[in-house]
Protein backbone atom coordinates (compact mmCIF):
# COMPACT_ATOMS: atom_id res chain seq x y z
CA UNK A 1 -0.37 -0.24 0.08
CA UNK A 2 1.61 3.40 -1.31
CA UNK A 3 2.13 6.74 1.22
CA UNK A 4 -0.88 8.63 1.42
CA UNK A 5 -0.41 12.45 2.56
CA UNK A 6 -2.40 12.25 6.01
CA UNK A 7 -3.29 16.33 5.47
CA UNK A 8 -5.22 14.96 2.34
CA UNK A 9 -7.72 13.11 4.75
CA UNK A 10 -8.52 15.21 7.30
CA UNK A 11 -11.80 16.36 7.13
CA UNK A 12 -15.59 15.14 7.11
CA UNK A 13 -15.89 12.06 4.62
CA UNK A 14 -19.40 11.19 3.75
CA UNK A 15 -20.13 7.71 2.54
CA UNK A 16 -21.94 6.86 -0.84
CA UNK A 17 -20.95 2.82 0.17
CA UNK A 18 -20.49 0.73 3.35
CA UNK A 19 -20.06 -3.00 4.42
CA UNK A 20 -22.12 -3.98 7.44
CA UNK A 21 -21.48 -2.13 10.52
CA UNK A 22 -23.28 -2.40 14.25
CA UNK A 23 -22.67 1.52 15.24
CA UNK A 24 -23.95 2.31 11.82
CA UNK A 25 -27.12 -0.37 11.54
CA UNK A 26 -30.61 1.90 10.65
CA UNK A 27 -28.14 4.90 9.94
CA UNK A 28 -28.42 7.49 6.59
CA UNK A 29 -26.61 10.35 5.70
CA UNK A 30 -23.29 9.00 7.34
CA UNK A 31 -19.71 10.67 7.44
CA UNK A 32 -16.66 10.56 9.14
CA UNK A 33 -14.54 13.69 10.52
CA UNK A 34 -10.90 13.01 10.88
CA UNK A 35 -9.09 16.08 12.84
CA UNK A 36 -5.15 15.91 14.10
CA UNK A 37 -4.42 16.18 16.76
CA UNK A 38 -1.39 17.86 18.74
CA UNK A 39 -0.59 13.65 19.49
CA UNK A 40 -0.34 13.17 16.12
CA UNK A 41 -2.68 11.10 17.01
CA UNK A 42 -6.27 11.07 14.82
CA UNK A 43 -9.76 11.99 16.24
CA UNK A 44 -12.66 10.51 14.26
CA UNK A 45 -16.01 11.84 15.21
CA UNK A 46 -18.88 9.11 12.91
CA UNK A 47 -22.27 10.39 12.61
CA UNK A 48 -25.65 9.65 11.00
CA UNK A 49 -29.30 10.15 11.59
CA UNK A 50 -31.71 7.37 12.63
CA UNK A 51 -33.46 5.73 9.82
CA UNK A 52 -33.91 9.06 8.00
CA UNK A 53 -32.72 12.05 7.46
CA UNK A 54 -34.87 13.95 10.02
CA UNK A 55 -34.47 11.08 12.82
CA UNK A 56 -32.56 11.57 15.73
CA UNK A 57 -28.67 11.97 15.35
CA UNK A 58 -26.33 9.37 16.41
CA UNK A 59 -22.20 9.86 17.16
CA UNK A 60 -19.18 7.81 18.50
CA UNK A 61 -16.00 9.29 18.64
CA UNK A 62 -12.80 7.05 18.46
CA UNK A 63 -9.55 7.78 17.54
CA UNK A 64 -6.89 6.48 14.80
CA UNK A 65 -2.93 6.44 14.24
CA UNK A 66 -0.62 5.22 11.67
CA UNK A 67 1.53 2.43 12.72
CA UNK A 68 3.54 2.17 10.84
CA UNK A 69 5.33 5.68 9.30
CA UNK A 70 6.75 4.05 6.51
CA UNK A 71 2.79 2.71 5.34
CA UNK A 72 0.38 5.91 5.91
CA UNK A 73 -2.16 4.51 3.82
CA UNK A 74 -2.53 2.04 6.98
CA UNK A 75 -4.34 3.39 10.39
CA UNK A 76 -5.33 1.41 13.40
CA UNK A 77 -8.76 3.13 14.47
CA UNK A 78 -9.50 2.06 18.62
CA UNK A 79 -13.62 2.24 18.73
CA UNK A 80 -14.08 0.43 21.88
CA UNK A 81 -11.01 0.65 24.69
CA UNK A 82 -8.67 -1.44 23.44
CA UNK A 83 -10.27 -2.75 20.44
CA UNK A 84 -8.33 -1.81 17.61
CA UNK A 85 -9.05 -2.07 14.21
CA UNK A 86 -6.53 -1.87 10.40
CA UNK A 87 -8.21 0.67 8.11
CA UNK A 88 -6.82 1.13 4.69
CA UNK A 89 -7.37 5.03 3.51
CA UNK A 90 -7.81 4.77 -0.54
CA UNK A 91 -5.91 7.17 -2.74
CA UNK A 92 -8.35 10.36 -3.13
CA UNK A 93 -8.79 11.09 -6.69
CA UNK A 94 -6.83 13.60 -8.42
CA UNK A 95 -9.12 16.33 -10.59
CA UNK A 96 -8.52 16.21 -13.24
CA UNK A 97 -9.39 19.21 -16.36
CA UNK A 98 -11.82 18.21 -19.21
CA UNK A 99 -10.28 16.56 -22.65
CA UNK A 100 -7.27 15.33 -19.94
CA UNK A 101 -6.16 11.80 -19.90
């Protein structure tokens, strides 16, 4: 997995598709906001609305870090205390101008 510039992954990201995940069951308009903290870790705020866009807003605050600086595309994300799972960030698509290959 190639190295990625972490700063390009910060900010709010909306899901367009996902695999089933317990926290997101029944949620719509889901997003994850990634914020770099002073200690170098990343705060992850997952949000979504229960069943409809006007449903109850659900939130989960998580932490992520890059376990291997040589492979910055891989993050470890802690969702529940000491339990952490691997997460690979896809490379952001480059914007192209019309008529560019």
